[in-house]
Amino acid sequence: MGWIWSLIVGAIIGAIAGSITKKGESMGWIANIIAGLIGSAVGQALFGSWGPSLAGMALIPSILGAVILVAVVSFFIGKK
């Protein structure tokens, strides 16, 4: 049951990152979940695990990591 909570928090983190980078409209909910989960891992690896936490994810570093991930992926996908 904990994995469902992780997916929900990952989707929220991905949606926040999409709205910050203005790429949220083009991302679907699966992409939001993936961006949130991978962004969380990237953010916590780069910035540590500080601040409020939900489902084992430190929210502020996770959002920062997801913003970086969405920006980098958008840069490479947008080069077509």
N, C-alpha and C. Protein backbone atom coordinates (compact mmCIF):
# COMPACT_ATOMS: atom_id res chain seq x y z
N MET A 1 0.82 -1.21 0.00
CA MET A 1 0.00 0.00 0.00
C MET A 1 0.86 1.26 0.00
N GLY A 2 2.09 1.16 0.51
CA GLY A 2 2.97 2.32 0.54
C GLY A 2 3.37 2.80 -0.85
N TRP A 3 3.41 1.88 -1.81
CA TRP A 3 3.81 2.27 -3.17
C TRP A 3 2.75 3.16 -3.81
N ILE A 4 1.49 2.99 -3.44
CA ILE A 4 0.43 3.86 -3.98
C ILE A 4 0.65 5.29 -3.49
N TRP A 5 0.96 5.42 -2.21
CA TRP A 5 1.23 6.74 -1.63
C TRP A 5 2.43 7.37 -2.32
N SER A 6 3.48 6.59 -2.61
CA SER A 6 4.65 7.10 -3.32
C SER A 6 4.28 7.59 -4.71
N LEU A 7 3.41 6.86 -5.41
CA LEU A 7 2.98 7.29 -6.75
C LEU A 7 2.19 8.59 -6.68
N ILE A 8 1.33 8.72 -5.67
CA ILE A 8 0.54 9.95 -5.53
C ILE A 8 1.44 11.14 -5.24
N VAL A 9 2.37 10.97 -4.29
CA VAL A 9 3.29 12.06 -3.97
C VAL A 9 4.18 12.36 -5.18
N GLY A 10 4.64 11.32 -5.90
CA GLY A 10 5.44 11.53 -7.10
C GLY A 10 4.68 12.31 -8.16
N ALA A 11 3.38 12.02 -8.31
CA ALA A 11 2.56 12.75 -9.29
C ALA A 11 2.42 14.21 -8.89
N ILE A 12 2.26 14.47 -7.61
CA ILE A 12 2.14 15.86 -7.14
C ILE A 12 3.45 16.61 -7.36
N ILE A 13 4.57 15.98 -7.02
CA ILE A 13 5.88 16.60 -7.23
C ILE A 13 6.10 16.87 -8.73
N GLY A 14 5.76 15.90 -9.58
CA GLY A 14 5.91 16.08 -11.02
C GLY A 14 5.01 17.19 -11.56
N ALA A 15 3.79 17.29 -11.04
CA ALA A 15 2.87 18.35 -11.47
C ALA A 15 3.39 19.72 -11.05
N ILE A 16 3.93 19.82 -9.85
CA ILE A 16 4.50 21.09 -9.39
C ILE A 16 5.69 21.47 -10.27
N ALA A 17 6.55 20.49 -10.56
CA ALA A 17 7.71 20.77 -11.43
C ALA A 17 7.27 21.18 -12.83
N GLY A 18 6.22 20.53 -13.34
CA GLY A 18 5.70 20.89 -14.67
C GLY A 18 5.14 22.30 -14.69
N SER A 19 4.48 22.71 -13.61
CA SER A 19 3.93 24.07 -13.59
C SER A 19 5.03 25.11 -13.41
N ILE A 20 6.07 24.79 -12.65
CA ILE A 20 7.18 25.73 -12.47
C ILE A 20 7.92 25.94 -13.79
N THR A 21 8.13 24.86 -14.55
CA THR A 21 8.87 24.96 -15.81
C THR A 21 7.96 25.31 -16.99
N LYS A 22 6.66 25.44 -16.75
CA LYS A 22 5.67 25.73 -17.79
C LYS A 22 5.55 24.61 -18.81
N LYS A 23 5.93 23.38 -18.43
CA LYS A 23 5.84 22.22 -19.32
C LYS A 23 4.73 21.27 -18.89
N GLY A 24 4.00 21.62 -17.85
CA GLY A 24 2.99 20.74 -17.28
C GLY A 24 1.86 20.41 -18.22
N GLU A 25 1.51 21.33 -19.12
CA GLU A 25 0.39 21.09 -20.04
C GLU A 25 0.73 19.97 -21.01
N SER A 26 1.99 19.86 -21.39
CA SER A 26 2.38 18.87 -22.39
C SER A 26 2.69 17.50 -21.76
N MET A 27 2.78 17.44 -20.43
CA MET A 27 3.08 16.19 -19.75
C MET A 27 1.78 15.52 -19.31
N GLY A 28 1.68 14.23 -19.51
CA GLY A 28 0.53 13.49 -19.01
C GLY A 28 0.75 13.08 -17.56
N TRP A 29 -0.23 12.41 -16.98
CA TRP A 29 -0.11 12.05 -15.57
C TRP A 29 0.96 10.99 -15.35
N ILE A 30 1.19 10.11 -16.32
CA ILE A 30 2.26 9.11 -16.17
C ILE A 30 3.62 9.80 -16.18
N ALA A 31 3.78 10.77 -17.08
CA ALA A 31 5.03 11.54 -17.13
C ALA A 31 5.22 12.33 -15.84
N ASN A 32 4.14 12.85 -15.26
CA ASN A 32 4.25 13.56 -13.98
C ASN A 32 4.74 12.63 -12.88
N ILE A 33 4.20 11.42 -12.83
CA ILE A 33 4.62 10.45 -11.82
C ILE A 33 6.10 10.11 -12.00
N ILE A 34 6.49 9.82 -13.25
CA ILE A 34 7.89 9.47 -13.52
C ILE A 34 8.82 10.62 -13.17
N ALA A 35 8.44 11.84 -13.59
CA ALA A 35 9.26 13.01 -13.29
C ALA A 35 9.35 13.23 -11.79
N GLY A 36 8.27 13.02 -11.08
CA GLY A 36 8.28 13.19 -9.63
C GLY A 36 9.16 12.17 -8.92
N LEU A 37 9.05 10.90 -9.32
CA LEU A 37 9.83 9.85 -8.66
C LEU A 37 11.32 9.96 -8.99
N ILE A 38 11.64 10.12 -10.26
CA ILE A 38 13.05 10.25 -10.65
C ILE A 38 13.62 11.56 -10.14
N GLY A 39 12.83 12.63 -10.26
CA GLY A 39 13.26 13.94 -9.76
C GLY A 39 13.51 13.92 -8.26
N SER A 40 12.71 13.16 -7.54
CA SER A 40 12.92 13.02 -6.10
C SER A 40 14.27 12.38 -5.80
N ALA A 41 14.59 11.32 -6.52
CA ALA A 41 15.88 10.66 -6.32
C ALA A 41 17.04 11.58 -6.68
N VAL A 42 16.90 12.29 -7.81
CA VAL A 42 17.95 13.22 -8.24
C VAL A 42 18.11 14.36 -7.22
N GLY A 43 16.99 14.94 -6.82
CA GLY A 43 17.03 16.06 -5.89
C GLY A 43 17.63 15.69 -4.55
N GLN A 44 17.25 14.53 -4.03
CA GLN A 44 17.80 14.11 -2.74
C GLN A 44 19.27 13.73 -2.85
N ALA A 45 19.69 13.23 -4.01
CA ALA A 45 21.11 12.92 -4.21
C ALA A 45 21.93 14.20 -4.28
N LEU A 46 21.37 15.24 -4.94
CA LEU A 46 22.10 16.50 -5.09
C LEU A 46 22.03 17.39 -3.85
N PHE A 47 20.84 17.48 -3.25
CA PHE A 47 20.60 18.47 -2.20
C PHE A 47 20.40 17.88 -0.81
N GLY A 48 20.33 16.57 -0.67
CA GLY A 48 20.13 15.94 0.63
C GLY A 48 18.65 15.77 0.95
N SER A 49 18.39 15.27 2.14
CA SER A 49 17.01 15.01 2.57
C SER A 49 16.65 15.92 3.74
N TRP A 50 16.30 17.15 3.45
CA TRP A 50 15.93 18.11 4.49
C TRP A 50 14.54 18.65 4.21
N GLY A 51 13.96 19.28 5.18
CA GLY A 51 12.63 19.87 5.01
C GLY A 51 11.54 18.83 5.22
N PRO A 52 10.30 19.23 4.95
CA PRO A 52 9.17 18.32 5.17
C PRO A 52 9.27 17.10 4.25
N SER A 53 8.73 15.98 4.72
CA SER A 53 8.84 14.72 3.98
C SER A 53 7.48 14.02 3.92
N LEU A 54 7.17 13.46 2.77
CA LEU A 54 5.98 12.64 2.58
C LEU A 54 6.39 11.38 1.82
N ALA A 55 5.89 10.23 2.24
CA ALA A 55 6.15 8.95 1.57
C ALA A 55 7.65 8.71 1.37
N GLY A 56 8.45 9.15 2.34
CA GLY A 56 9.89 8.94 2.25
C GLY A 56 10.61 9.88 1.31
N MET A 57 9.92 10.90 0.79
CA MET A 57 10.53 11.86 -0.12
C MET A 57 10.59 13.23 0.54
N ALA A 58 11.79 13.79 0.64
CA ALA A 58 11.93 15.16 1.15
C ALA A 58 11.39 16.10 0.07
N LEU A 59 10.36 16.86 0.40
CA LEU A 59 9.61 17.58 -0.62
C LEU A 59 10.40 18.65 -1.35
N ILE A 60 11.11 19.52 -0.64
CA ILE A 60 11.80 20.63 -1.31
C ILE A 60 12.92 20.13 -2.22
N PRO A 61 13.84 19.27 -1.74
CA PRO A 61 14.85 18.73 -2.68
C PRO A 61 14.22 17.93 -3.83
N SER A 62 13.12 17.24 -3.55
CA SER A 62 12.45 16.46 -4.61
C SER A 62 11.89 17.36 -5.69
N ILE A 63 11.26 18.46 -5.29
CA ILE A 63 10.71 19.40 -6.28
C ILE A 63 11.84 20.03 -7.08
N LEU A 64 12.93 20.42 -6.41
CA LEU A 64 14.08 21.00 -7.13
C LEU A 64 14.65 19.99 -8.13
N GLY A 65 14.78 18.74 -7.72
CA GLY A 65 15.29 17.70 -8.63
C GLY A 65 14.36 17.46 -9.80
N ALA A 66 13.05 17.47 -9.54
CA ALA A 66 12.08 17.27 -10.63
C ALA A 66 12.10 18.44 -11.60
N VAL A 67 12.26 19.67 -11.09
CA VAL A 67 12.35 20.84 -11.98
C VAL A 67 13.57 20.70 -12.88
N ILE A 68 14.70 20.31 -12.30
CA ILE A 68 15.93 20.11 -13.10
C ILE A 68 15.70 19.03 -14.15
N LEU A 69 15.10 17.92 -13.74
CA LEU A 69 14.84 16.80 -14.66
C LEU A 69 13.93 17.23 -15.81
N VAL A 70 12.83 17.91 -15.50
CA VAL A 70 11.88 18.34 -16.54
C VAL A 70 12.56 19.34 -17.48
N ALA A 71 13.35 20.25 -16.93
CA ALA A 71 14.03 21.24 -17.77
C ALA A 71 15.03 20.57 -18.71
N VAL A 72 15.81 19.62 -18.20
CA VAL A 72 16.81 18.94 -19.03
C VAL A 72 16.13 18.09 -20.11
N VAL A 73 15.12 17.32 -19.72
CA VAL A 73 14.42 16.48 -20.70
C VAL A 73 13.73 17.35 -21.75
N SER A 74 13.11 18.44 -21.34
CA SER A 74 12.44 19.35 -22.29
C SER A 74 13.44 19.97 -23.25
N PHE A 75 14.64 20.28 -22.75
CA PHE A 75 15.68 20.86 -23.60
C PHE A 75 16.05 19.89 -24.72
N PHE A 76 16.25 18.62 -24.37
CA PHE A 76 16.67 17.63 -25.38
C PHE A 76 15.52 17.24 -26.30
N ILE A 77 14.31 17.11 -25.78
CA ILE A 77 13.17 16.75 -26.61
C ILE A 77 12.80 17.91 -27.53
N GLY A 78 12.96 19.13 -27.05
CA GLY A 78 12.61 20.31 -27.82
C GLY A 78 13.56 20.62 -28.96
N LYS A 79 14.69 19.90 -29.03
CA LYS A 79 15.71 20.18 -30.07
C LYS A 79 15.38 19.54 -31.41
N LYS A 80 14.28 18.81 -31.51
CA LYS A 80 13.94 18.12 -32.76
C LYS A 80 13.83 19.07 -33.92
